[in-house]
Amino acid sequence: MNKESQNETIVFQPDGTSTGVKQKAVISTSARLQNYNDQLKEGLQHGISFTKLLDQMVSTNDPHELLDAASKLISFRLNTAFLVFPQQYSQADFYLIFLSRLLQQHSSDQLILQSSDRNRELYHEFPGINTAGYFIFQIDPVNEGGAYYVEKQTGEKLFYLNFSKHILKFNAAAITSLLVVNYQEKFVYSTIKKFVLLLIRIGDFFKEDYGFDVDFNILDPSNSAVYPIIKTDLPNGALDKLFVVASQAGYMLKAGNNGEAILELKADLVVTFGDEDQLIGNGQSQWAINVTDKEEDLSWFDIIFNYDFIRDWYLNNLDVLEIQTDRRYFN
């Protein structure tokens, strides 16, 4: 089809007959401009909707309004075909902003929200350990509404958060690698413990405010907590090794009435290794670790951080002793 035919049309009479006369088809300039203007107005209105959500996220004191705004902002696509905003927060940034606001609502300001011009990203830093690294969110590429809380320098994923599934899960492997192995030589226990307590509070806020299913994993300090290991059966070889290193450190690993192994570290602080059903009577046939202390302040994390012989034993036998994590989210 040539150029001329593309711009010509047949004129029909009211009775349906054709004159057979070809006339030039004229597209109105004003119609083009009106269409452009309408599209621009829609883009601007779209931007205004975005700013209203951001206002809600920044100013609300209601936790449910905060979560609603964050969820919508994370999935919001600000640019349109006619209007592009050159400076925008990323999806990951909105998770950071949300977490900062959640802590602010609970009068907790220990995590400081910072901005990196070089990396063009927001990040969290925790006073006392900020010399070693900082924290960001990374979007889960598979599950909508999900993101990992990651230490930037090492890439360790400390916990997984998913708004759509209402879950928060801590990662024993990353916590051990970062806080017990990496940070143990750089910071004193009291400094790391403050950070751990903040992580626990974050989990508590999600449980209390939103009813999330929170798995504290290795950080759970309750006496009823059990930490299932990756092997379901009794790790006899590892326990034999623990008996030796405990004896060398001045402690005695004893056998319980039901075949469990009991290590009393001090008055009112006992670590027990046994079947879950033996430990807490939940009917689960799974080998696990349990920590009991009078104040319910200490978890398995605290034990492996503070007792060198247990830490070395645990790290040297991770192939059978590593605490389980949810393999749907942590590889």
C-alpha atoms as a PDB file:
ATOM      1  CA  MET A   1       0.000   0.000   0.000  1.00  0.00           C
ATOM      2  CA  ASN A   2       1.499   3.368  -1.021  1.00  0.00           C
ATOM      3  CA  LYS A   3       1.614   6.494   1.069  1.00  0.00           C
ATOM      4  CA  GLU A   4      -1.234   8.179  -0.743  1.00  0.00           C
ATOM      5  CA  SER A   5      -3.662   5.305  -0.211  1.00  0.00           C
ATOM      6  CA  GLN A   6      -2.914   5.241   3.512  1.00  0.00           C
ATOM      7  CA  ASN A   7      -4.212   8.796   3.817  1.00  0.00           C
ATOM      8  CA  GLU A   8      -7.307   8.519   1.599  1.00  0.00           C
ATOM      9  CA  THR A   9     -10.829   7.251   2.310  1.00  0.00           C
ATOM     10  CA  ILE A  10     -14.047   6.491   0.358  1.00  0.00           C
ATOM     11  CA  VAL A  11     -16.970   8.857   1.125  1.00  0.00           C
ATOM     12  CA  PHE A  12     -20.361   7.132   1.583  1.00  0.00           C
ATOM     13  CA  GLN A  13     -23.768   8.770   1.064  1.00  0.00           C
ATOM     14  CA  PRO A  14     -26.556   8.579   3.695  1.00  0.00           C
ATOM     15  CA  ASP A  15     -28.294   5.837   1.672  1.00  0.00           C
ATOM     16  CA  GLY A  16     -25.192   3.671   1.878  1.00  0.00           C
ATOM     17  CA  THR A  17     -23.997   4.206  -1.677  1.00  0.00           C
ATOM     18  CA  SER A  18     -20.497   5.305  -2.420  1.00  0.00           C
ATOM     19  CA  THR A  19     -19.546   8.386  -4.377  1.00  0.00           C
ATOM     20  CA  GLY A  20     -16.395   6.585  -5.380  1.00  0.00           C
ATOM     21  CA  VAL A  21     -14.532   9.788  -4.651  1.00  0.00           C
ATOM     22  CA  LYS A  22     -11.406   9.576  -2.571  1.00  0.00           C
ATOM     23  CA  GLN A  23     -10.758  12.413  -0.080  1.00  0.00           C
ATOM     24  CA  LYS A  24      -7.856  13.067   2.237  1.00  0.00           C
ATOM     25  CA  ALA A  25      -8.420  11.831   5.877  1.00  0.00           C
ATOM     26  CA  VAL A  26      -7.468  14.609   8.238  1.00  0.00           C
ATOM     27  CA  ILE A  27      -6.449  13.770  11.842  1.00  0.00           C
ATOM     28  CA  SER A  28      -7.190  16.733  14.053  1.00  0.00           C
ATOM     29  CA  THR A  29      -4.152  18.339  15.673  1.00  0.00           C
ATOM     30  CA  SER A  30      -6.314  19.362  18.608  1.00  0.00           C
ATOM     31  CA  ALA A  31      -7.396  15.720  19.082  1.00  0.00           C
ATOM     32  CA  ARG A  32      -3.764  14.635  19.218  1.00  0.00           C
ATOM     33  CA  LEU A  33      -2.981  17.314  21.792  1.00  0.00           C
ATOM     34  CA  GLN A  34      -6.082  16.464  23.823  1.00  0.00           C
ATOM     35  CA  ASN A  35      -5.098  12.784  23.921  1.00  0.00           C
ATOM     36  CA  TYR A  36      -1.576  13.693  25.015  1.00  0.00           C
ATOM     37  CA  ASN A  37      -2.912  16.025  27.693  1.00  0.00           C
ATOM     38  CA  ASP A  38      -5.329  13.376  29.009  1.00  0.00           C
ATOM     39  CA  GLN A  39      -2.541  10.812  29.231  1.00  0.00           C
ATOM     40  CA  LEU A  40      -0.343  13.311  31.050  1.00  0.00           C
ATOM     41  CA  LYS A  41      -3.127  14.098  33.523  1.00  0.00           C
ATOM     42  CA  GLU A  42      -3.586  10.379  34.195  1.00  0.00           C
ATOM     43  CA  GLY A  43       0.148  10.034  34.842  1.00  0.00           C
ATOM     44  CA  LEU A  44       0.111  12.987  37.243  1.00  0.00           C
ATOM     45  CA  GLN A  45      -2.949  11.624  39.055  1.00  0.00           C
ATOM     46  CA  HIS A  46      -1.172   8.287  39.310  1.00  0.00           C
ATOM     47  CA  GLY A  47       1.754  10.094  40.931  1.00  0.00           C
ATOM     48  CA  ILE A  48      -0.561  11.849  43.369  1.00  0.00           C
ATOM     49  CA  SER A  49      -2.003   8.471  44.402  1.00  0.00           C
ATOM     50  CA  PHE A  50       1.557   7.374  45.113  1.00  0.00           C
ATOM     51  CA  THR A  51       2.252  10.420  47.290  1.00  0.00           C
ATOM     52  CA  LYS A  52      -0.895   9.776  49.318  1.00  0.00           C
ATOM     53  CA  LEU A  53       0.287   6.256  50.097  1.00  0.00           C
ATOM     54  CA  LEU A  54       3.718   7.589  51.009  1.00  0.00           C
ATOM     55  CA  ASP A  55       2.102  10.197  53.283  1.00  0.00           C
ATOM     56  CA  GLN A  56       0.192   7.399  54.990  1.00  0.00           C
ATOM     57  CA  MET A  57       3.313   5.317  55.449  1.00  0.00           C
ATOM     58  CA  VAL A  58       5.323   8.211  56.874  1.00  0.00           C
ATOM     59  CA  SER A  59       2.689   9.699  59.191  1.00  0.00           C
ATOM     60  CA  THR A  60       0.290   6.980  60.374  1.00  0.00           C
ATOM     61  CA  ASN A  61       0.394   5.703  63.936  1.00  0.00           C
ATOM     62  CA  ASP A  62      -1.803   2.727  63.106  1.00  0.00           C
ATOM     63  CA  PRO A  63       0.226  -0.453  62.432  1.00  0.00           C
ATOM     64  CA  HIS A  64      -2.393  -1.845  60.045  1.00  0.00           C
ATOM     65  CA  GLU A  65      -2.473   1.357  57.994  1.00  0.00           C
ATOM     66  CA  LEU A  66       1.318   1.190  57.925  1.00  0.00           C
ATOM     67  CA  LEU A  67       1.328  -2.368  56.582  1.00  0.00           C
ATOM     68  CA  ASP A  68      -1.379  -1.549  54.044  1.00  0.00           C
ATOM     69  CA  ALA A  69       0.553   1.440  52.698  1.00  0.00           C
ATOM     70  CA  ALA A  70       3.825  -0.499  52.564  1.00  0.00           C
ATOM     71  CA  SER A  71       2.244  -3.432  50.732  1.00  0.00           C
ATOM     72  CA  LYS A  72       0.725  -1.135  48.118  1.00  0.00           C
ATOM     73  CA  LEU A  73       3.895   0.919  47.663  1.00  0.00           C
ATOM     74  CA  ILE A  74       6.000  -2.199  47.164  1.00  0.00           C
ATOM     75  CA  SER A  75       3.827  -3.259  44.235  1.00  0.00           C
ATOM     76  CA  PHE A  76       3.219   0.293  42.924  1.00  0.00           C
ATOM     77  CA  ARG A  77       4.615   1.105  39.476  1.00  0.00           C
ATOM     78  CA  LEU A  78       5.056   4.850  39.422  1.00  0.00           C
ATOM     79  CA  ASN A  79       6.113   5.411  35.811  1.00  0.00           C
ATOM     80  CA  THR A  80       3.592   5.562  32.969  1.00  0.00           C
ATOM     81  CA  ALA A  81       4.026   5.633  29.198  1.00  0.00           C
ATOM     82  CA  PHE A  82       3.772   9.427  29.226  1.00  0.00           C
ATOM     83  CA  LEU A  83       5.418  10.277  32.558  1.00  0.00           C
ATOM     84  CA  VAL A  84       8.665   8.929  34.033  1.00  0.00           C
ATOM     85  CA  PHE A  85       9.921   9.898  37.503  1.00  0.00           C
ATOM     86  CA  PRO A  86      13.745   9.845  37.471  1.00  0.00           C
ATOM     87  CA  GLN A  87      14.251   9.492  41.249  1.00  0.00           C
ATOM     88  CA  GLN A  88      12.377   6.713  42.998  1.00  0.00           C
ATOM     89  CA  TYR A  89      12.700   4.387  45.969  1.00  0.00           C
ATOM     90  CA  SER A  90      13.126   0.722  45.097  1.00  0.00           C
ATOM     91  CA  GLN A  91      10.865  -2.087  46.291  1.00  0.00           C
ATOM     92  CA  ALA A  92      13.554  -3.108  48.779  1.00  0.00           C
ATOM     93  CA  ASP A  93      13.724   0.451  50.130  1.00  0.00           C
ATOM     94  CA  PHE A  94      10.054   0.340  51.099  1.00  0.00           C
ATOM     95  CA  TYR A  95      10.659  -2.737  53.264  1.00  0.00           C
ATOM     96  CA  LEU A  96      13.390  -0.804  55.091  1.00  0.00           C
ATOM     97  CA  ILE A  97      11.163   2.248  55.518  1.00  0.00           C
ATOM     98  CA  PHE A  98       8.326   0.067  56.769  1.00  0.00           C
ATOM     99  CA  LEU A  99      10.551  -1.661  59.344  1.00  0.00           C
ATOM    100  CA  SER A 100      11.930   1.672  60.543  1.00  0.00           C
ATOM    101  CA  ARG A 101       8.410   3.052  60.952  1.00  0.00           C
ATOM    102  CA  LEU A 102       7.252  -0.102  62.757  1.00  0.00           C
ATOM    103  CA  LEU A 103      10.092   0.266  65.244  1.00  0.00           C
ATOM    104  CA  GLN A 104       9.308   3.964  65.588  1.00  0.00           C
ATOM    105  CA  GLN A 105       5.692   3.148  66.442  1.00  0.00           C
ATOM    106  CA  HIS A 106       7.025   0.986  69.266  1.00  0.00           C
ATOM    107  CA  SER A 107       9.417   3.718  70.466  1.00  0.00           C
ATOM    108  CA  SER A 108      12.453   1.777  69.304  1.00  0.00           C
ATOM    109  CA  ASP A 109      15.004   3.710  67.270  1.00  0.00           C
ATOM    110  CA  GLN A 110      18.023   1.402  67.459  1.00  0.00           C
ATOM    111  CA  LEU A 111      18.091   0.763  63.721  1.00  0.00           C
ATOM    112  CA  ILE A 112      19.163   3.909  61.900  1.00  0.00           C
ATOM    113  CA  LEU A 113      17.906   4.393  58.356  1.00  0.00           C
ATOM    114  CA  GLN A 114      20.669   5.765  56.149  1.00  0.00           C
ATOM    115  CA  SER A 115      21.073   6.565  52.457  1.00  0.00           C
ATOM    116  CA  SER A 116      23.981   5.650  50.197  1.00  0.00           C
ATOM    117  CA  ASP A 117      24.399   8.031  47.255  1.00  0.00           C
ATOM    118  CA  ARG A 118      27.118   5.837  45.772  1.00  0.00           C
ATOM    119  CA  ASN A 119      25.005   2.673  45.783  1.00  0.00           C
ATOM    120  CA  ARG A 120      21.735   4.568  45.350  1.00  0.00           C
ATOM    121  CA  GLU A 121      20.049   2.595  48.121  1.00  0.00           C
ATOM    122  CA  LEU A 122      18.732   2.917  51.620  1.00  0.00           C
ATOM    123  CA  TYR A 123      20.193   0.769  54.387  1.00  0.00           C
ATOM    124  CA  HIS A 124      20.034   0.104  58.119  1.00  0.00           C
ATOM    125  CA  GLU A 125      22.913   0.388  60.503  1.00  0.00           C
ATOM    126  CA  PHE A 126      22.995  -0.681  64.128  1.00  0.00           C
ATOM    127  CA  PRO A 127      25.130   1.405  66.499  1.00  0.00           C
ATOM    128  CA  GLY A 128      27.967  -0.662  67.909  1.00  0.00           C
ATOM    129  CA  ILE A 129      28.320  -3.029  64.958  1.00  0.00           C
ATOM    130  CA  ASN A 130      28.046  -0.512  62.111  1.00  0.00           C
ATOM    131  CA  THR A 131      31.820  -0.563  61.659  1.00  0.00           C
ATOM    132  CA  ALA A 132      31.525  -4.125  60.339  1.00  0.00           C
ATOM    133  CA  GLY A 133      28.568  -3.827  58.012  1.00  0.00           C
ATOM    134  CA  TYR A 134      25.041  -2.681  57.345  1.00  0.00           C
ATOM    135  CA  PHE A 135      21.705  -4.215  56.416  1.00  0.00           C
ATOM    136  CA  ILE A 136      19.398  -4.058  53.412  1.00  0.00           C
ATOM    137  CA  PHE A 137      16.430  -5.968  52.046  1.00  0.00           C
ATOM    138  CA  GLN A 138      16.635  -8.129  48.941  1.00  0.00           C
ATOM    139  CA  ILE A 139      13.432  -8.948  47.101  1.00  0.00           C
ATOM    140  CA  ASP A 140      12.381 -12.593  46.915  1.00  0.00           C
ATOM    141  CA  PRO A 141      12.302 -13.293  43.158  1.00  0.00           C
ATOM    142  CA  VAL A 142       9.810 -16.146  43.559  1.00  0.00           C
ATOM    143  CA  ASN A 143       7.206 -15.274  46.195  1.00  0.00           C
ATOM    144  CA  GLU A 144       5.197 -12.066  45.945  1.00  0.00           C
ATOM    145  CA  GLY A 145       5.405  -9.876  49.035  1.00  0.00           C
ATOM    146  CA  GLY A 146       8.614 -11.512  50.245  1.00  0.00           C
ATOM    147  CA  ALA A 147      12.082 -10.130  51.001  1.00  0.00           C
ATOM    148  CA  TYR A 148      15.256 -11.120  52.864  1.00  0.00           C
ATOM    149  CA  TYR A 149      16.953  -9.002  55.515  1.00  0.00           C
ATOM    150  CA  VAL A 150      20.580  -9.191  54.434  1.00  0.00           C
ATOM    151  CA  GLU A 151      23.929  -8.088  55.814  1.00  0.00           C
ATOM    152  CA  LYS A 152      25.357  -6.264  52.817  1.00  0.00           C
ATOM    153  CA  GLN A 153      29.053  -7.145  53.154  1.00  0.00           C
ATOM    154  CA  THR A 154      28.643 -10.896  53.610  1.00  0.00           C
ATOM    155  CA  GLY A 155      25.286 -11.457  51.929  1.00  0.00           C
ATOM    156  CA  GLU A 156      24.030 -13.406  54.957  1.00  0.00           C
ATOM    157  CA  LYS A 157      20.203 -13.575  55.024  1.00  0.00           C
ATOM    158  CA  LEU A 158      19.239 -13.122  58.674  1.00  0.00           C
ATOM    159  CA  PHE A 159      15.491 -13.447  58.241  1.00  0.00           C
ATOM    160  CA  TYR A 160      12.779 -13.806  55.642  1.00  0.00           C
ATOM    161  CA  LEU A 161       9.672 -11.608  55.665  1.00  0.00           C
ATOM    162  CA  ASN A 162       6.580 -12.105  53.537  1.00  0.00           C
ATOM    163  CA  PHE A 163       3.613  -9.730  53.773  1.00  0.00           C
ATOM    164  CA  SER A 164       1.364 -11.890  51.593  1.00  0.00           C
ATOM    165  CA  LYS A 165       1.975 -15.109  53.546  1.00  0.00           C
ATOM    166  CA  HIS A 166       2.140 -13.388  56.953  1.00  0.00           C
ATOM    167  CA  ILE A 167       5.380 -15.085  57.963  1.00  0.00           C
ATOM    168  CA  LEU A 168       8.734 -14.091  59.415  1.00  0.00           C
ATOM    169  CA  LYS A 169      11.439 -16.742  59.646  1.00  0.00           C
ATOM    170  CA  PHE A 170      14.926 -16.418  61.114  1.00  0.00           C
ATOM    171  CA  ASN A 171      17.839 -18.239  59.538  1.00  0.00           C
ATOM    172  CA  ALA A 172      20.044 -20.235  61.938  1.00  0.00           C
ATOM    173  CA  ALA A 173      22.823 -20.729  59.382  1.00  0.00           C
ATOM    174  CA  ALA A 174      23.195 -17.015  58.600  1.00  0.00           C
ATOM    175  CA  ILE A 175      22.928 -15.945  62.241  1.00  0.00           C
ATOM    176  CA  THR A 176      25.612 -18.439  63.213  1.00  0.00           C
ATOM    177  CA  SER A 177      27.899 -17.455  60.356  1.00  0.00           C
ATOM    178  CA  LEU A 178      27.564 -13.706  60.853  1.00  0.00           C
ATOM    179  CA  LEU A 179      27.057 -13.181  64.580  1.00  0.00           C
ATOM    180  CA  VAL A 180      28.872 -16.182  66.059  1.00  0.00           C
ATOM    181  CA  VAL A 181      31.729 -16.747  63.615  1.00  0.00           C
ATOM    182  CA  ASN A 182      32.288 -13.360  61.959  1.00  0.00           C
ATOM    183  CA  TYR A 183      31.317 -10.884  64.683  1.00  0.00           C
ATOM    184  CA  GLN A 184      32.458 -12.961  67.660  1.00  0.00           C
ATOM    185  CA  GLU A 185      36.053 -11.862  67.120  1.00  0.00           C
ATOM    186  CA  LYS A 186      35.126  -8.215  66.526  1.00  0.00           C
ATOM    187  CA  PHE A 187      32.579  -7.383  69.212  1.00  0.00           C
ATOM    188  CA  VAL A 188      31.875  -8.283  72.822  1.00  0.00           C
ATOM    189  CA  TYR A 189      28.847 -10.389  73.673  1.00  0.00           C
ATOM    190  CA  SER A 190      26.864  -7.506  75.198  1.00  0.00           C
ATOM    191  CA  THR A 191      27.030  -5.559  71.929  1.00  0.00           C
ATOM    192  CA  ILE A 192      25.883  -8.503  69.818  1.00  0.00           C
ATOM    193  CA  LYS A 193      23.203  -9.350  72.376  1.00  0.00           C
ATOM    194  CA  LYS A 194      21.644  -5.898  71.956  1.00  0.00           C
ATOM    195  CA  PHE A 195      21.316  -6.534  68.246  1.00  0.00           C
ATOM    196  CA  VAL A 196      19.857  -9.997  68.859  1.00  0.00           C
ATOM    197  CA  LEU A 197      17.320  -8.582  71.300  1.00  0.00           C
ATOM    198  CA  LEU A 198      16.273  -6.087  68.629  1.00  0.00           C
ATOM    199  CA  LEU A 199      15.745  -8.922  66.142  1.00  0.00           C
ATOM    200  CA  ILE A 200      13.603 -10.732  68.711  1.00  0.00           C
ATOM    201  CA  ARG A 201      11.559  -7.570  69.332  1.00  0.00           C
ATOM    202  CA  ILE A 202      10.986  -7.218  65.593  1.00  0.00           C
ATOM    203  CA  GLY A 203       9.596 -10.751  65.564  1.00  0.00           C
ATOM    204  CA  ASP A 204       7.407  -9.965  68.586  1.00  0.00           C
ATOM    205  CA  PHE A 205       6.003  -6.849  66.884  1.00  0.00           C
ATOM    206  CA  PHE A 206       4.978  -8.864  63.835  1.00  0.00           C
ATOM    207  CA  LYS A 207       3.284 -11.444  66.060  1.00  0.00           C
ATOM    208  CA  GLU A 208       1.496  -8.906  68.248  1.00  0.00           C
ATOM    209  CA  ASP A 209       0.529  -6.295  65.652  1.00  0.00           C
ATOM    210  CA  TYR A 210      -0.252  -8.488  62.647  1.00  0.00           C
ATOM    211  CA  GLY A 211      -0.580 -12.056  63.864  1.00  0.00           C
ATOM    212  CA  PHE A 212       2.333 -13.227  61.715  1.00  0.00           C
ATOM    213  CA  ASP A 213       3.677 -16.747  62.070  1.00  0.00           C
ATOM    214  CA  VAL A 214       7.162 -16.052  63.451  1.00  0.00           C
ATOM    215  CA  ASP A 215       9.872 -18.696  63.696  1.00  0.00           C
ATOM    216  CA  PHE A 216      12.616 -17.360  65.984  1.00  0.00           C
ATOM    217  CA  ASN A 217      14.665 -20.476  65.339  1.00  0.00           C
ATOM    218  CA  ILE A 218      18.092 -20.314  66.985  1.00  0.00           C
ATOM    219  CA  LEU A 219      17.197 -17.057  68.811  1.00  0.00           C
ATOM    220  CA  ASP A 220      14.173 -18.376  70.730  1.00  0.00           C
ATOM    221  CA  PRO A 221      14.991 -18.077  74.468  1.00  0.00           C
ATOM    222  CA  SER A 222      11.897 -19.814  75.868  1.00  0.00           C
ATOM    223  CA  ASN A 223      12.475 -22.971  77.871  1.00  0.00           C
ATOM    224  CA  SER A 224       9.905 -24.765  75.731  1.00  0.00           C
ATOM    225  CA  ALA A 225      11.853 -24.046  72.544  1.00  0.00           C
ATOM    226  CA  VAL A 226      13.519 -26.936  70.774  1.00  0.00           C
ATOM    227  CA  TYR A 227      16.035 -26.547  67.986  1.00  0.00           C
ATOM    228  CA  PRO A 228      15.713 -29.523  65.606  1.00  0.00           C
ATOM    229  CA  ILE A 229      18.959 -30.498  63.917  1.00  0.00           C
ATOM    230  CA  ILE A 230      19.301 -31.528  60.287  1.00  0.00           C
ATOM    231  CA  LYS A 231      19.659 -35.221  61.201  1.00  0.00           C
ATOM    232  CA  THR A 232      16.553 -36.940  62.524  1.00  0.00           C
ATOM    233  CA  ASP A 233      18.369 -39.702  64.371  1.00  0.00           C
ATOM    234  CA  LEU A 234      20.804 -39.746  67.275  1.00  0.00           C
ATOM    235  CA  PRO A 235      24.227 -38.278  66.313  1.00  0.00           C
ATOM    236  CA  ASN A 236      26.220 -40.689  68.460  1.00  0.00           C
ATOM    237  CA  GLY A 237      29.592 -39.743  67.016  1.00  0.00           C
ATOM    238  CA  ALA A 238      29.052 -36.056  67.686  1.00  0.00           C
ATOM    239  CA  LEU A 239      27.875 -36.700  71.234  1.00  0.00           C
ATOM    240  CA  ASP A 240      30.967 -38.798  71.917  1.00  0.00           C
ATOM    241  CA  LYS A 241      33.061 -35.846  70.841  1.00  0.00           C
ATOM    242  CA  LEU A 242      31.036 -33.512  73.073  1.00  0.00           C
ATOM    243  CA  PHE A 243      31.641 -35.801  76.042  1.00  0.00           C
ATOM    244  CA  VAL A 244      35.396 -35.477  75.486  1.00  0.00           C
ATOM    245  CA  VAL A 245      35.571 -31.701  74.943  1.00  0.00           C
ATOM    246  CA  ALA A 246      33.153 -31.022  77.799  1.00  0.00           C
ATOM    247  CA  SER A 247      35.303 -33.107  80.141  1.00  0.00           C
ATOM    248  CA  GLN A 248      38.389 -31.206  79.053  1.00  0.00           C
ATOM    249  CA  ALA A 249      36.584 -27.924  79.791  1.00  0.00           C
ATOM    250  CA  GLY A 250      35.539 -29.113  83.255  1.00  0.00           C
ATOM    251  CA  TYR A 251      31.953 -30.155  82.512  1.00  0.00           C
ATOM    252  CA  MET A 252      30.255 -33.534  82.527  1.00  0.00           C
ATOM    253  CA  LEU A 253      27.879 -34.760  79.837  1.00  0.00           C
ATOM    254  CA  LYS A 254      25.392 -37.089  81.538  1.00  0.00           C
ATOM    255  CA  ALA A 255      22.797 -39.525  80.260  1.00  0.00           C
ATOM    256  CA  GLY A 256      19.168 -38.847  81.127  1.00  0.00           C
ATOM    257  CA  ASN A 257      16.493 -41.361  82.085  1.00  0.00           C
ATOM    258  CA  ASN A 258      15.132 -41.516  78.529  1.00  0.00           C
ATOM    259  CA  GLY A 259      18.428 -41.666  76.698  1.00  0.00           C
ATOM    260  CA  GLU A 260      18.873 -37.931  76.299  1.00  0.00           C
ATOM    261  CA  ALA A 261      22.251 -36.260  76.905  1.00  0.00           C
ATOM    262  CA  ILE A 262      22.333 -33.540  79.569  1.00  0.00           C
ATOM    263  CA  LEU A 263      24.995 -30.861  79.981  1.00  0.00           C
ATOM    264  CA  GLU A 264      24.713 -28.649  83.053  1.00  0.00           C
ATOM    265  CA  LEU A 265      26.750 -25.501  82.430  1.00  0.00           C
ATOM    266  CA  LYS A 266      25.904 -23.797  85.728  1.00  0.00           C
ATOM    267  CA  ALA A 267      23.099 -23.603  88.226  1.00  0.00           C
ATOM    268  CA  ASP A 268      19.781 -23.162  86.380  1.00  0.00           C
ATOM    269  CA  LEU A 269      21.409 -23.435  82.935  1.00  0.00           C
ATOM    270  CA  VAL A 270      21.092 -26.825  81.258  1.00  0.00           C
ATOM    271  CA  VAL A 271      21.473 -27.947  77.657  1.00  0.00           C
ATOM    272  CA  THR A 272      19.726 -31.178  76.692  1.00  0.00           C
ATOM    273  CA  PHE A 273      20.177 -33.206  73.519  1.00  0.00           C
ATOM    274  CA  GLY A 274      17.406 -35.645  72.742  1.00  0.00           C
ATOM    275  CA  ASP A 275      14.293 -36.599  70.824  1.00  0.00           C
ATOM    276  CA  GLU A 276      11.704 -33.785  70.585  1.00  0.00           C
ATOM    277  CA  ASP A 277       9.028 -35.986  72.077  1.00  0.00           C
ATOM    278  CA  GLN A 278      11.320 -36.715  75.024  1.00  0.00           C
ATOM    279  CA  LEU A 279      12.164 -33.038  75.463  1.00  0.00           C
ATOM    280  CA  ILE A 280       8.738 -31.403  75.232  1.00  0.00           C
ATOM    281  CA  GLY A 281       6.295 -34.247  74.570  1.00  0.00           C
ATOM    282  CA  ASN A 282       5.111 -33.044  71.174  1.00  0.00           C
ATOM    283  CA  GLY A 283       5.046 -36.479  69.560  1.00  0.00           C
ATOM    284  CA  GLN A 284       7.782 -35.586  67.073  1.00  0.00           C
ATOM    285  CA  SER A 285      10.509 -38.127  66.469  1.00  0.00           C
ATOM    286  CA  GLN A 286      13.245 -35.663  65.634  1.00  0.00           C
ATOM    287  CA  TRP A 287      16.586 -35.157  67.357  1.00  0.00           C
ATOM    288  CA  ALA A 288      16.854 -31.659  68.799  1.00  0.00           C
ATOM    289  CA  ILE A 289      18.552 -29.368  71.299  1.00  0.00           C
ATOM    290  CA  ASN A 290      16.858 -27.649  74.235  1.00  0.00           C
ATOM    291  CA  VAL A 291      18.175 -24.871  76.496  1.00  0.00           C
ATOM    292  CA  THR A 292      16.603 -24.176  79.880  1.00  0.00           C
ATOM    293  CA  ASP A 293      17.520 -21.364  82.232  1.00  0.00           C
ATOM    294  CA  LYS A 294      15.688 -19.844  85.149  1.00  0.00           C
ATOM    295  CA  GLU A 295      14.985 -16.464  83.541  1.00  0.00           C
ATOM    296  CA  GLU A 296      14.360 -17.791  80.011  1.00  0.00           C
ATOM    297  CA  ASP A 297      16.842 -15.271  78.639  1.00  0.00           C
ATOM    298  CA  LEU A 298      19.236 -17.583  76.829  1.00  0.00           C
ATOM    299  CA  SER A 299      18.910 -19.416  73.542  1.00  0.00           C
ATOM    300  CA  TRP A 300      21.154 -21.805  71.625  1.00  0.00           C
ATOM    301  CA  PHE A 301      22.687 -18.709  70.026  1.00  0.00           C
ATOM    302  CA  ASP A 302      23.809 -17.473  73.462  1.00  0.00           C
ATOM    303  CA  ILE A 303      25.282 -20.852  74.329  1.00  0.00           C
ATOM    304  CA  ILE A 304      27.434 -21.217  71.227  1.00  0.00           C
ATOM    305  CA  PHE A 305      28.529 -17.577  71.447  1.00  0.00           C
ATOM    306  CA  ASN A 306      29.677 -17.756  75.073  1.00  0.00           C
ATOM    307  CA  TYR A 307      31.028 -21.297  75.502  1.00  0.00           C
ATOM    308  CA  ASP A 308      34.089 -21.846  73.339  1.00  0.00           C
ATOM    309  CA  PHE A 309      34.145 -25.616  73.605  1.00  0.00           C
ATOM    310  CA  ILE A 310      30.475 -25.913  72.605  1.00  0.00           C
ATOM    311  CA  ARG A 311      30.910 -23.430  69.760  1.00  0.00           C
ATOM    312  CA  ASP A 312      33.909 -25.291  68.358  1.00  0.00           C
ATOM    313  CA  TRP A 313      32.154 -28.632  68.733  1.00  0.00           C
ATOM    314  CA  TYR A 314      29.009 -27.336  67.026  1.00  0.00           C
ATOM    315  CA  LEU A 315      30.845 -25.652  64.133  1.00  0.00           C
ATOM    316  CA  ASN A 316      33.043 -28.697  63.567  1.00  0.00           C
ATOM    317  CA  ASN A 317      30.008 -30.972  63.303  1.00  0.00           C
ATOM    318  CA  LEU A 318      27.552 -28.859  61.335  1.00  0.00           C
ATOM    319  CA  ASP A 319      27.026 -31.706  58.882  1.00  0.00           C
ATOM    320  CA  VAL A 320      24.961 -33.478  61.551  1.00  0.00           C
ATOM    321  CA  LEU A 321      24.238 -30.779  64.158  1.00  0.00           C
ATOM    322  CA  GLU A 322      23.215 -27.672  62.204  1.00  0.00           C
ATOM    323  CA  ILE A 323      19.873 -26.290  63.332  1.00  0.00           C
ATOM    324  CA  GLN A 324      17.170 -26.725  60.727  1.00  0.00           C
ATOM    325  CA  THR A 325      15.749 -23.806  58.754  1.00  0.00           C
ATOM    326  CA  ASP A 326      12.773 -23.700  56.417  1.00  0.00           C
ATOM    327  CA  ARG A 327      14.206 -24.982  53.133  1.00  0.00           C
ATOM    328  CA  ARG A 328      11.390 -23.352  51.178  1.00  0.00           C
ATOM    329  CA  TYR A 329      13.071 -19.994  51.831  1.00  0.00           C
ATOM    330  CA  PHE A 330      16.662 -20.768  52.827  1.00  0.00           C
ATOM    331  CA  ASN A 331      18.965 -22.955  50.777  1.00  0.00           C
END
